[in-house]
Amino acid sequence: MTTIKKLSILVSVVLVVLFLADFSLAQNKLEVPLPSIGDASSITTMPFLPDYINYIFNFAIGIAGLIAFISIVYGGARYLTSAGNPSAMSDANSQIFAGVIGLIILLGSWIILTTINPELVKINPQLEGSGIVVEDSPGVYLCQDNTDESCRVFTDSKDTLGELSNKVQRVKFKNINDIVYGVVLHEDKYHKGNCVVCLSDGCQVEISAIGGDGVSSITVFLRPKQVSGSGVTIYDGEEYQDGKFGHIGPYTSEVWYDDMDDVKEKFSSEASSAKVEGTYMLILYKKTELKGNCLVLQNNDPSLSNEGFSQNTKSFRVLFAQ
């Protein structure tokens, strides 16, 4: 067996081992209790070995792909320069074949992983949720029941809640000094589907209003100490242009409208672009009464059609956020 073939087999075995280790560890997410620190009575953290195995796997995929590509190129060069030497041409053919097989294995592994779970092929390793729960730490606490032991703390937005998805029953906040949190709860992953805004403890009623299976992703934001910027303006034309009905705004205070028909005659559903400038957040809804699929904007959006909201907005809400 040639060296190239042996190397291809070794790379394949390593990738398979990494995949199996990642899969098995992902199925056994254990909480590890750690000693108390200061006034915190308990700390729990999720094991992060699976996350780094994901990172190593992706890195190995890239290196192995580069090796396979170099093998094919080098084999091709050897083949072209080995005219008249059957033995050398045979070796070059074997090298090219081994490189092609390696690429097929890599592609197959990638397809299998993305089919099982797209999260498995993300490069940046990070823990689910905040990765750590500390009593009285500032942040947004998502709880599975009425006990504090069931809560996990979040300080930034999450595309998915992992094992906490569809299990959130209660929300509470821990704010310190001028750090005041807010959160938008989304029904689906990646901030899709119905949503509700929570600004204070409880939120059981709001959570039940989401419908579907519950909360699967969140948008966490800070309430600004001071409001600044030119506010929120919604246009009925793309690229911040006035179309048939013009624009509404700018809004520089916290407002909400259950029906955009109440804002400007016949403007309802005609939102096509929006400017969000300063310490503000705009939430668009596809139904009246702040219901239905929502879109959270904290920056300008020149074309709401990219998100499926152009000429499809029935109500909206403006919040202070940074």
C-alpha atoms as a PDB file:
ATOM      1  CA  MET A   1       0.000   0.000   0.000  1.00  0.00           C
ATOM      2  CA  THR A   2       1.452   3.379  -0.988  1.00  0.00           C
ATOM      3  CA  THR A   3       2.205   6.144   1.499  1.00  0.00           C
ATOM      4  CA  ILE A   4      -0.462   8.386  -0.009  1.00  0.00           C
ATOM      5  CA  LYS A   5      -3.127   5.713   0.424  1.00  0.00           C
ATOM      6  CA  LYS A   6      -2.044   5.106   4.010  1.00  0.00           C
ATOM      7  CA  LEU A   7      -2.254   8.837   4.701  1.00  0.00           C
ATOM      8  CA  SER A   8      -5.742   9.045   3.187  1.00  0.00           C
ATOM      9  CA  ILE A   9      -6.958   6.164   5.343  1.00  0.00           C
ATOM     10  CA  LEU A  10      -5.414   7.718   8.473  1.00  0.00           C
ATOM     11  CA  VAL A  11      -7.074  11.084   7.820  1.00  0.00           C
ATOM     12  CA  SER A  12     -10.433   9.370   7.263  1.00  0.00           C
ATOM     13  CA  VAL A  13     -10.132   7.381  10.505  1.00  0.00           C
ATOM     14  CA  VAL A  14      -9.248  10.527  12.498  1.00  0.00           C
ATOM     15  CA  LEU A  15     -12.245  12.407  11.066  1.00  0.00           C
ATOM     16  CA  VAL A  16     -14.602   9.538  11.867  1.00  0.00           C
ATOM     17  CA  VAL A  17     -13.285   9.345  15.448  1.00  0.00           C
ATOM     18  CA  LEU A  18     -13.756  13.087  15.914  1.00  0.00           C
ATOM     19  CA  PHE A  19     -17.296  12.889  14.538  1.00  0.00           C
ATOM     20  CA  LEU A  20     -18.257   9.968  16.805  1.00  0.00           C
ATOM     21  CA  ALA A  21     -16.733  11.655  19.852  1.00  0.00           C
ATOM     22  CA  ASP A  22     -18.578  14.879  19.105  1.00  0.00           C
ATOM     23  CA  PHE A  23     -21.866  13.092  18.577  1.00  0.00           C
ATOM     24  CA  SER A  24     -21.606  10.990  21.747  1.00  0.00           C
ATOM     25  CA  LEU A  25     -20.573  13.930  23.928  1.00  0.00           C
ATOM     26  CA  ALA A  26     -23.340  16.070  22.480  1.00  0.00           C
ATOM     27  CA  GLN A  27     -25.866  13.497  23.672  1.00  0.00           C
ATOM     28  CA  ASN A  28     -24.579  13.685  27.252  1.00  0.00           C
ATOM     29  CA  LYS A  29     -24.606  17.321  28.286  1.00  0.00           C
ATOM     30  CA  LEU A  30     -23.883  17.114  31.998  1.00  0.00           C
ATOM     31  CA  GLU A  31     -23.864  19.991  34.428  1.00  0.00           C
ATOM     32  CA  VAL A  32     -20.691  20.145  36.506  1.00  0.00           C
ATOM     33  CA  PRO A  33     -21.008  21.754  39.959  1.00  0.00           C
ATOM     34  CA  LEU A  34     -18.155  24.069  40.918  1.00  0.00           C
ATOM     35  CA  PRO A  35     -17.214  25.579  44.297  1.00  0.00           C
ATOM     36  CA  SER A  36     -18.913  28.753  45.475  1.00  0.00           C
ATOM     37  CA  ILE A  37     -17.267  32.054  44.599  1.00  0.00           C
ATOM     38  CA  GLY A  38     -17.908  35.123  46.707  1.00  0.00           C
ATOM     39  CA  ASP A  39     -21.608  35.641  47.287  1.00  0.00           C
ATOM     40  CA  ALA A  40     -22.622  33.277  44.502  1.00  0.00           C
ATOM     41  CA  SER A  41     -24.182  30.203  46.103  1.00  0.00           C
ATOM     42  CA  SER A  42     -23.864  27.986  43.088  1.00  0.00           C
ATOM     43  CA  ILE A  43     -22.202  27.830  39.715  1.00  0.00           C
ATOM     44  CA  THR A  44     -22.914  25.320  36.995  1.00  0.00           C
ATOM     45  CA  THR A  45     -21.318  25.057  33.629  1.00  0.00           C
ATOM     46  CA  MET A  46     -21.800  22.934  30.571  1.00  0.00           C
ATOM     47  CA  PRO A  47     -18.819  20.830  29.457  1.00  0.00           C
ATOM     48  CA  PHE A  48     -17.188  22.550  26.515  1.00  0.00           C
ATOM     49  CA  LEU A  49     -15.201  19.595  25.120  1.00  0.00           C
ATOM     50  CA  PRO A  50     -17.827  18.900  22.396  1.00  0.00           C
ATOM     51  CA  ASP A  51     -17.568  22.521  21.247  1.00  0.00           C
ATOM     52  CA  TYR A  52     -13.810  22.299  20.822  1.00  0.00           C
ATOM     53  CA  ILE A  53     -14.127  18.940  19.092  1.00  0.00           C
ATOM     54  CA  ASN A  54     -16.426  20.731  16.619  1.00  0.00           C
ATOM     55  CA  TYR A  55     -13.699  23.311  16.105  1.00  0.00           C
ATOM     56  CA  ILE A  56     -10.988  20.660  15.699  1.00  0.00           C
ATOM     57  CA  PHE A  57     -13.177  18.713  13.284  1.00  0.00           C
ATOM     58  CA  ASN A  58     -13.725  21.755  11.071  1.00  0.00           C
ATOM     59  CA  PHE A  59     -10.027  22.583  11.182  1.00  0.00           C
ATOM     60  CA  ALA A  60      -9.181  18.975  10.271  1.00  0.00           C
ATOM     61  CA  ILE A  61     -11.645  19.117   7.378  1.00  0.00           C
ATOM     62  CA  GLY A  62      -9.885  22.193   6.001  1.00  0.00           C
ATOM     63  CA  ILE A  63      -6.371  20.769   6.382  1.00  0.00           C
ATOM     64  CA  ALA A  64      -7.376  17.391   4.950  1.00  0.00           C
ATOM     65  CA  GLY A  65      -9.060  19.090   1.987  1.00  0.00           C
ATOM     66  CA  LEU A  66      -5.921  21.117   1.333  1.00  0.00           C
ATOM     67  CA  ILE A  67      -3.783  17.963   1.486  1.00  0.00           C
ATOM     68  CA  ALA A  68      -6.108  16.147  -0.909  1.00  0.00           C
ATOM     69  CA  PHE A  69      -6.063  19.087  -3.329  1.00  0.00           C
ATOM     70  CA  ILE A  70      -2.268  19.300  -3.247  1.00  0.00           C
ATOM     71  CA  SER A  71      -2.095  15.538  -3.782  1.00  0.00           C
ATOM     72  CA  ILE A  72      -4.253  15.789  -6.911  1.00  0.00           C
ATOM     73  CA  VAL A  73      -2.262  18.725  -8.310  1.00  0.00           C
ATOM     74  CA  TYR A  74       1.084  17.060  -7.585  1.00  0.00           C
ATOM     75  CA  GLY A  75      -0.124  13.766  -9.036  1.00  0.00           C
ATOM     76  CA  GLY A  76      -1.265  15.551 -12.174  1.00  0.00           C
ATOM     77  CA  ALA A  77       2.105  17.262 -12.543  1.00  0.00           C
ATOM     78  CA  ARG A  78       3.901  13.942 -12.089  1.00  0.00           C
ATOM     79  CA  TYR A  79       1.664  12.322 -14.702  1.00  0.00           C
ATOM     80  CA  LEU A  80       2.375  15.038 -17.249  1.00  0.00           C
ATOM     81  CA  THR A  81       6.123  14.805 -16.699  1.00  0.00           C
ATOM     82  CA  SER A  82       6.257  10.986 -16.703  1.00  0.00           C
ATOM     83  CA  ALA A  83       5.525  10.366 -20.363  1.00  0.00           C
ATOM     84  CA  GLY A  84       7.312   7.211 -21.465  1.00  0.00           C
ATOM     85  CA  ASN A  85       7.696   5.884 -17.920  1.00  0.00           C
ATOM     86  CA  PRO A  86       4.785   3.484 -17.212  1.00  0.00           C
ATOM     87  CA  SER A  87       5.797   2.928 -13.577  1.00  0.00           C
ATOM     88  CA  ALA A  88       5.906   6.639 -12.751  1.00  0.00           C
ATOM     89  CA  MET A  89       2.622   7.228 -14.589  1.00  0.00           C
ATOM     90  CA  SER A  90       0.981   4.436 -12.595  1.00  0.00           C
ATOM     91  CA  ASP A  91       2.170   5.961  -9.319  1.00  0.00           C
ATOM     92  CA  ALA A  92       0.873   9.379 -10.410  1.00  0.00           C
ATOM     93  CA  ASN A  93      -2.511   7.857 -11.284  1.00  0.00           C
ATOM     94  CA  SER A  94      -2.673   6.242  -7.842  1.00  0.00           C
ATOM     95  CA  GLN A  95      -1.855   9.549  -6.189  1.00  0.00           C
ATOM     96  CA  ILE A  96      -4.571  11.374  -8.127  1.00  0.00           C
ATOM     97  CA  PHE A  97      -7.068   8.625  -7.297  1.00  0.00           C
ATOM     98  CA  ALA A  98      -6.223   8.794  -3.593  1.00  0.00           C
ATOM     99  CA  GLY A  99      -6.699  12.568  -3.605  1.00  0.00           C
ATOM    100  CA  VAL A 100     -10.087  12.281  -5.306  1.00  0.00           C
ATOM    101  CA  ILE A 101     -11.220   9.619  -2.811  1.00  0.00           C
ATOM    102  CA  GLY A 102     -10.101  11.864   0.044  1.00  0.00           C
ATOM    103  CA  LEU A 103     -12.154  14.772  -1.285  1.00  0.00           C
ATOM    104  CA  ILE A 104     -15.196  12.533  -1.685  1.00  0.00           C
ATOM    105  CA  ILE A 105     -14.853  11.369   1.933  1.00  0.00           C
ATOM    106  CA  LEU A 106     -14.528  14.951   3.163  1.00  0.00           C
ATOM    107  CA  LEU A 107     -17.529  16.122   1.153  1.00  0.00           C
ATOM    108  CA  GLY A 108     -19.573  13.179   2.372  1.00  0.00           C
ATOM    109  CA  SER A 109     -18.674  13.907   5.996  1.00  0.00           C
ATOM    110  CA  TRP A 110     -19.657  17.558   5.584  1.00  0.00           C
ATOM    111  CA  ILE A 111     -22.995  16.684   3.987  1.00  0.00           C
ATOM    112  CA  ILE A 112     -23.792  14.167   6.743  1.00  0.00           C
ATOM    113  CA  LEU A 113     -23.014  16.705   9.468  1.00  0.00           C
ATOM    114  CA  THR A 114     -25.042  19.522   7.927  1.00  0.00           C
ATOM    115  CA  THR A 115     -27.950  17.115   7.404  1.00  0.00           C
ATOM    116  CA  ILE A 116     -27.898  15.984  11.045  1.00  0.00           C
ATOM    117  CA  ASN A 117     -27.450  19.458  12.514  1.00  0.00           C
ATOM    118  CA  PRO A 118     -26.013  22.600  10.832  1.00  0.00           C
ATOM    119  CA  GLU A 119     -24.734  23.735  14.237  1.00  0.00           C
ATOM    120  CA  LEU A 120     -22.148  20.912  14.154  1.00  0.00           C
ATOM    121  CA  VAL A 121     -20.132  22.587  11.396  1.00  0.00           C
ATOM    122  CA  LYS A 122     -19.878  26.057  12.912  1.00  0.00           C
ATOM    123  CA  ILE A 123     -16.294  27.200  13.296  1.00  0.00           C
ATOM    124  CA  ASN A 124     -16.571  29.361  16.407  1.00  0.00           C
ATOM    125  CA  PRO A 125     -16.783  27.208  19.551  1.00  0.00           C
ATOM    126  CA  GLN A 126     -19.213  28.516  22.148  1.00  0.00           C
ATOM    127  CA  LEU A 127     -21.281  27.072  24.926  1.00  0.00           C
ATOM    128  CA  GLU A 128     -25.017  26.739  24.825  1.00  0.00           C
ATOM    129  CA  GLY A 129     -26.783  29.634  26.481  1.00  0.00           C
ATOM    130  CA  SER A 130     -24.318  31.700  28.449  1.00  0.00           C
ATOM    131  CA  GLY A 131     -22.289  28.584  29.239  1.00  0.00           C
ATOM    132  CA  ILE A 132     -22.312  29.514  32.908  1.00  0.00           C
ATOM    133  CA  VAL A 133     -24.973  30.209  35.491  1.00  0.00           C
ATOM    134  CA  VAL A 134     -24.059  32.329  38.504  1.00  0.00           C
ATOM    135  CA  GLU A 135     -26.613  33.351  41.092  1.00  0.00           C
ATOM    136  CA  ASP A 136     -27.167  37.111  41.116  1.00  0.00           C
ATOM    137  CA  SER A 137     -25.078  37.676  37.995  1.00  0.00           C
ATOM    138  CA  PRO A 138     -26.536  40.485  35.827  1.00  0.00           C
ATOM    139  CA  GLY A 139     -28.431  39.358  32.755  1.00  0.00           C
ATOM    140  CA  VAL A 140     -31.640  37.795  31.476  1.00  0.00           C
ATOM    141  CA  TYR A 141     -32.655  34.581  33.248  1.00  0.00           C
ATOM    142  CA  LEU A 142     -34.704  32.018  31.331  1.00  0.00           C
ATOM    143  CA  CYS A 143     -36.339  29.517  33.662  1.00  0.00           C
ATOM    144  CA  GLN A 144     -37.948  26.146  33.019  1.00  0.00           C
ATOM    145  CA  ASP A 145     -40.223  26.382  36.077  1.00  0.00           C
ATOM    146  CA  ASN A 146     -40.854  28.534  39.147  1.00  0.00           C
ATOM    147  CA  THR A 147     -37.616  27.504  40.854  1.00  0.00           C
ATOM    148  CA  ASP A 148     -34.439  29.569  40.529  1.00  0.00           C
ATOM    149  CA  GLU A 149     -32.429  26.369  40.100  1.00  0.00           C
ATOM    150  CA  SER A 150     -33.992  25.877  36.665  1.00  0.00           C
ATOM    151  CA  CYS A 151     -32.786  29.255  35.365  1.00  0.00           C
ATOM    152  CA  ARG A 152     -29.926  30.014  32.992  1.00  0.00           C
ATOM    153  CA  VAL A 153     -28.494  33.493  32.526  1.00  0.00           C
ATOM    154  CA  PHE A 154     -27.941  35.174  29.143  1.00  0.00           C
ATOM    155  CA  THR A 155     -26.165  38.435  28.387  1.00  0.00           C
ATOM    156  CA  ASP A 156     -26.327  38.378  24.584  1.00  0.00           C
ATOM    157  CA  SER A 157     -28.597  37.201  21.773  1.00  0.00           C
ATOM    158  CA  LYS A 158     -28.772  33.527  20.808  1.00  0.00           C
ATOM    159  CA  ASP A 159     -29.806  31.967  17.487  1.00  0.00           C
ATOM    160  CA  THR A 160     -30.834  28.804  19.327  1.00  0.00           C
ATOM    161  CA  LEU A 161     -31.315  27.838  22.965  1.00  0.00           C
ATOM    162  CA  GLY A 162     -30.157  24.238  22.595  1.00  0.00           C
ATOM    163  CA  GLU A 163     -31.571  21.996  25.305  1.00  0.00           C
ATOM    164  CA  LEU A 164     -33.545  24.938  26.724  1.00  0.00           C
ATOM    165  CA  SER A 165     -35.554  25.347  23.506  1.00  0.00           C
ATOM    166  CA  ASN A 166     -39.326  25.131  24.005  1.00  0.00           C
ATOM    167  CA  LYS A 167     -38.879  24.733  27.773  1.00  0.00           C
ATOM    168  CA  VAL A 168     -38.870  28.356  28.918  1.00  0.00           C
ATOM    169  CA  GLN A 169     -41.746  29.069  31.308  1.00  0.00           C
ATOM    170  CA  ARG A 170     -40.568  32.208  33.092  1.00  0.00           C
ATOM    171  CA  VAL A 171     -38.230  35.161  32.593  1.00  0.00           C
ATOM    172  CA  LYS A 172     -36.554  37.263  35.244  1.00  0.00           C
ATOM    173  CA  PHE A 173     -33.943  40.014  35.148  1.00  0.00           C
ATOM    174  CA  LYS A 174     -30.947  40.908  37.265  1.00  0.00           C
ATOM    175  CA  ASN A 175     -29.976  44.526  36.660  1.00  0.00           C
ATOM    176  CA  ILE A 176     -27.033  46.217  38.376  1.00  0.00           C
ATOM    177  CA  ASN A 177     -26.629  49.975  38.627  1.00  0.00           C
ATOM    178  CA  ASP A 178     -27.165  51.412  35.148  1.00  0.00           C
ATOM    179  CA  ILE A 179     -27.115  48.016  33.390  1.00  0.00           C
ATOM    180  CA  VAL A 180     -30.747  47.265  32.546  1.00  0.00           C
ATOM    181  CA  TYR A 181     -31.635  44.340  30.279  1.00  0.00           C
ATOM    182  CA  GLY A 182     -34.524  43.600  27.953  1.00  0.00           C
ATOM    183  CA  VAL A 183     -35.238  40.578  25.781  1.00  0.00           C
ATOM    184  CA  VAL A 184     -37.305  39.593  22.763  1.00  0.00           C
ATOM    185  CA  LEU A 185     -38.477  35.975  22.892  1.00  0.00           C
ATOM    186  CA  HIS A 186     -38.750  34.252  19.505  1.00  0.00           C
ATOM    187  CA  GLU A 187     -40.830  31.204  18.709  1.00  0.00           C
ATOM    188  CA  ASP A 188     -38.358  29.721  16.192  1.00  0.00           C
ATOM    189  CA  LYS A 189     -34.597  29.470  15.861  1.00  0.00           C
ATOM    190  CA  TYR A 190     -32.600  32.290  14.287  1.00  0.00           C
ATOM    191  CA  HIS A 191     -35.049  34.927  15.597  1.00  0.00           C
ATOM    192  CA  LYS A 192     -37.910  33.772  13.386  1.00  0.00           C
ATOM    193  CA  GLY A 193     -41.611  33.226  13.967  1.00  0.00           C
ATOM    194  CA  ASN A 194     -43.834  34.959  16.515  1.00  0.00           C
ATOM    195  CA  CYS A 195     -42.215  37.026  19.237  1.00  0.00           C
ATOM    196  CA  VAL A 196     -42.944  38.983  22.401  1.00  0.00           C
ATOM    197  CA  VAL A 197     -40.993  41.616  24.330  1.00  0.00           C
ATOM    198  CA  CYS A 198     -40.110  41.169  28.018  1.00  0.00           C
ATOM    199  CA  LEU A 199     -38.869  44.123  30.055  1.00  0.00           C
ATOM    200  CA  SER A 200     -39.613  42.939  33.602  1.00  0.00           C
ATOM    201  CA  ASP A 201     -39.773  39.770  35.691  1.00  0.00           C
ATOM    202  CA  GLY A 202     -42.389  37.140  34.997  1.00  0.00           C
ATOM    203  CA  CYS A 203     -43.450  37.216  31.367  1.00  0.00           C
ATOM    204  CA  GLN A 204     -45.498  34.028  31.747  1.00  0.00           C
ATOM    205  CA  VAL A 205     -48.443  35.677  29.998  1.00  0.00           C
ATOM    206  CA  GLU A 206     -46.243  36.993  27.216  1.00  0.00           C
ATOM    207  CA  ILE A 207     -44.602  33.604  26.697  1.00  0.00           C
ATOM    208  CA  SER A 208     -47.985  31.923  26.349  1.00  0.00           C
ATOM    209  CA  ALA A 209     -48.889  34.505  23.706  1.00  0.00           C
ATOM    210  CA  ILE A 210     -46.090  33.301  21.441  1.00  0.00           C
ATOM    211  CA  GLY A 211     -47.943  30.134  20.563  1.00  0.00           C
ATOM    212  CA  GLY A 212     -46.369  27.196  18.795  1.00  0.00           C
ATOM    213  CA  ASP A 213     -43.885  25.163  20.811  1.00  0.00           C
ATOM    214  CA  GLY A 214     -42.503  28.006  22.912  1.00  0.00           C
ATOM    215  CA  VAL A 215     -39.230  29.966  22.932  1.00  0.00           C
ATOM    216  CA  SER A 216     -36.370  28.807  20.669  1.00  0.00           C
ATOM    217  CA  SER A 217     -34.161  31.925  20.308  1.00  0.00           C
ATOM    218  CA  ILE A 218     -33.752  35.317  21.950  1.00  0.00           C
ATOM    219  CA  THR A 219     -32.650  38.864  21.197  1.00  0.00           C
ATOM    220  CA  VAL A 220     -31.033  40.354  24.307  1.00  0.00           C
ATOM    221  CA  PHE A 221     -30.542  44.127  24.489  1.00  0.00           C
ATOM    222  CA  LEU A 222     -29.571  46.797  26.993  1.00  0.00           C
ATOM    223  CA  ARG A 223     -31.813  49.687  27.933  1.00  0.00           C
ATOM    224  CA  PRO A 224     -29.784  52.884  27.355  1.00  0.00           C
ATOM    225  CA  LYS A 225     -28.971  55.260  30.195  1.00  0.00           C
ATOM    226  CA  GLN A 226     -29.483  58.134  27.792  1.00  0.00           C
ATOM    227  CA  VAL A 227     -31.445  58.133  24.553  1.00  0.00           C
ATOM    228  CA  SER A 228     -29.664  59.500  21.499  1.00  0.00           C
ATOM    229  CA  GLY A 229     -29.950  59.490  17.716  1.00  0.00           C
ATOM    230  CA  SER A 230     -32.520  60.593  15.193  1.00  0.00           C
ATOM    231  CA  GLY A 231     -34.954  57.758  15.924  1.00  0.00           C
ATOM    232  CA  VAL A 232     -36.954  55.342  13.770  1.00  0.00           C
ATOM    233  CA  THR A 233     -38.450  56.128  10.364  1.00  0.00           C
ATOM    234  CA  ILE A 234     -40.409  53.675   8.203  1.00  0.00           C
ATOM    235  CA  TYR A 235     -40.677  54.229   4.427  1.00  0.00           C
ATOM    236  CA  ASP A 236     -43.086  52.709   1.926  1.00  0.00           C
ATOM    237  CA  GLY A 237     -40.334  52.683  -0.721  1.00  0.00           C
ATOM    238  CA  GLU A 238     -37.076  50.762  -0.704  1.00  0.00           C
ATOM    239  CA  GLU A 239     -33.744  52.506  -0.076  1.00  0.00           C
ATOM    240  CA  TYR A 240     -35.487  54.949   2.309  1.00  0.00           C
ATOM    241  CA  GLN A 241     -37.561  56.523  -0.439  1.00  0.00           C
ATOM    242  CA  ASP A 242     -41.093  57.844  -0.173  1.00  0.00           C
ATOM    243  CA  GLY A 243     -43.338  55.773  -2.385  1.00  0.00           C
ATOM    244  CA  LYS A 244     -47.059  56.106  -2.829  1.00  0.00           C
ATOM    245  CA  PHE A 245     -47.867  56.970   0.781  1.00  0.00           C
ATOM    246  CA  GLY A 246     -44.588  58.519   1.979  1.00  0.00           C
ATOM    247  CA  HIS A 247     -43.057  57.658   5.338  1.00  0.00           C
ATOM    248  CA  ILE A 248     -43.941  57.622   9.032  1.00  0.00           C
ATOM    249  CA  GLY A 249     -41.699  58.925  11.794  1.00  0.00           C
ATOM    250  CA  PRO A 250     -39.140  59.669  12.942  1.00  0.00           C
ATOM    251  CA  TYR A 251     -40.162  58.247  16.308  1.00  0.00           C
ATOM    252  CA  THR A 252     -37.914  59.323  19.168  1.00  0.00           C
ATOM    253  CA  SER A 253     -39.980  57.901  22.026  1.00  0.00           C
ATOM    254  CA  GLU A 254     -41.231  54.418  22.864  1.00  0.00           C
ATOM    255  CA  VAL A 255     -44.448  53.833  20.936  1.00  0.00           C
ATOM    256  CA  TRP A 256     -46.443  50.988  19.513  1.00  0.00           C
ATOM    257  CA  TYR A 257     -49.267  50.816  17.014  1.00  0.00           C
ATOM    258  CA  ASP A 258     -51.580  47.829  16.929  1.00  0.00           C
ATOM    259  CA  ASP A 259     -52.626  48.658  13.381  1.00  0.00           C
ATOM    260  CA  MET A 260     -50.570  50.731  10.959  1.00  0.00           C
ATOM    261  CA  ASP A 261     -53.815  52.018   9.436  1.00  0.00           C
ATOM    262  CA  ASP A 262     -54.095  54.099  12.607  1.00  0.00           C
ATOM    263  CA  VAL A 263     -50.787  55.821  11.845  1.00  0.00           C
ATOM    264  CA  LYS A 264     -51.313  56.971   8.318  1.00  0.00           C
ATOM    265  CA  GLU A 265     -54.189  56.301   5.974  1.00  0.00           C
ATOM    266  CA  LYS A 266     -53.543  53.236   3.801  1.00  0.00           C
ATOM    267  CA  PHE A 267     -49.922  52.953   4.973  1.00  0.00           C
ATOM    268  CA  SER A 268     -50.631  49.537   6.473  1.00  0.00           C
ATOM    269  CA  SER A 269     -48.586  46.770   4.849  1.00  0.00           C
ATOM    270  CA  GLU A 270     -46.631  49.235   2.710  1.00  0.00           C
ATOM    271  CA  ALA A 271     -43.421  49.298   4.808  1.00  0.00           C
ATOM    272  CA  SER A 272     -40.486  48.634   2.457  1.00  0.00           C
ATOM    273  CA  SER A 273     -37.427  50.043   4.266  1.00  0.00           C
ATOM    274  CA  ALA A 274     -36.585  51.452   7.675  1.00  0.00           C
ATOM    275  CA  LYS A 275     -33.992  53.610   9.378  1.00  0.00           C
ATOM    276  CA  VAL A 276     -33.074  52.840  12.978  1.00  0.00           C
ATOM    277  CA  GLU A 277     -30.576  55.483  14.055  1.00  0.00           C
ATOM    278  CA  GLY A 278     -29.340  55.790  17.628  1.00  0.00           C
ATOM    279  CA  THR A 279     -30.396  53.969  20.781  1.00  0.00           C
ATOM    280  CA  TYR A 280     -33.570  52.476  19.349  1.00  0.00           C
ATOM    281  CA  MET A 281     -35.051  49.163  18.283  1.00  0.00           C
ATOM    282  CA  LEU A 282     -37.847  48.585  15.769  1.00  0.00           C
ATOM    283  CA  ILE A 283     -40.016  45.478  15.791  1.00  0.00           C
ATOM    284  CA  LEU A 284     -42.275  44.834  12.801  1.00  0.00           C
ATOM    285  CA  TYR A 285     -45.170  42.364  12.929  1.00  0.00           C
ATOM    286  CA  LYS A 286     -47.066  40.654  10.130  1.00  0.00           C
ATOM    287  CA  LYS A 287     -50.339  40.850  12.043  1.00  0.00           C
ATOM    288  CA  THR A 288     -52.195  43.587  13.872  1.00  0.00           C
ATOM    289  CA  GLU A 289     -52.073  43.879  17.678  1.00  0.00           C
ATOM    290  CA  LEU A 290     -48.314  43.210  17.689  1.00  0.00           C
ATOM    291  CA  LYS A 291     -48.797  39.570  16.749  1.00  0.00           C
ATOM    292  CA  GLY A 292     -47.591  37.173  14.096  1.00  0.00           C
ATOM    293  CA  ASN A 293     -44.108  36.746  12.673  1.00  0.00           C
ATOM    294  CA  CYS A 294     -41.837  39.564  13.719  1.00  0.00           C
ATOM    295  CA  LEU A 295     -38.617  41.225  12.584  1.00  0.00           C
ATOM    296  CA  VAL A 296     -36.282  42.930  15.068  1.00  0.00           C
ATOM    297  CA  LEU A 297     -34.195  45.787  13.660  1.00  0.00           C
ATOM    298  CA  GLN A 298     -31.445  47.647  15.506  1.00  0.00           C
ATOM    299  CA  ASN A 299     -29.854  49.035  12.341  1.00  0.00           C
ATOM    300  CA  ASN A 300     -30.995  50.500   9.026  1.00  0.00           C
ATOM    301  CA  ASP A 301     -32.575  48.090   6.550  1.00  0.00           C
ATOM    302  CA  PRO A 302     -32.830  49.392   2.951  1.00  0.00           C
ATOM    303  CA  SER A 303     -35.019  46.508   1.782  1.00  0.00           C
ATOM    304  CA  LEU A 304     -37.467  44.729   4.043  1.00  0.00           C
ATOM    305  CA  SER A 305     -38.267  42.390   1.172  1.00  0.00           C
ATOM    306  CA  ASN A 306     -35.047  40.526   2.014  1.00  0.00           C
ATOM    307  CA  GLU A 307     -36.696  39.490   5.260  1.00  0.00           C
ATOM    308  CA  GLY A 308     -40.151  38.908   3.768  1.00  0.00           C
ATOM    309  CA  PHE A 309     -41.619  42.005   5.434  1.00  0.00           C
ATOM    310  CA  SER A 310     -41.845  44.407   2.517  1.00  0.00           C
ATOM    311  CA  GLN A 311     -45.510  45.375   2.044  1.00  0.00           C
ATOM    312  CA  ASN A 312     -46.327  42.750   4.655  1.00  0.00           C
ATOM    313  CA  THR A 313     -46.292  44.692   7.938  1.00  0.00           C
ATOM    314  CA  LYS A 314     -49.443  45.261   9.983  1.00  0.00           C
ATOM    315  CA  SER A 315     -48.175  46.686  13.291  1.00  0.00           C
ATOM    316  CA  PHE A 316     -44.922  47.815  14.899  1.00  0.00           C
ATOM    317  CA  ARG A 317     -43.242  48.809  18.132  1.00  0.00           C
ATOM    318  CA  VAL A 318     -40.374  51.199  18.894  1.00  0.00           C
ATOM    319  CA  LEU A 319     -38.210  50.600  21.968  1.00  0.00           C
ATOM    320  CA  PHE A 320     -35.174  52.208  23.574  1.00  0.00           C
ATOM    321  CA  ALA A 321     -32.286  49.773  23.118  1.00  0.00           C
ATOM    322  CA  GLN A 322     -28.569  49.644  22.518  1.00  0.00           C
END
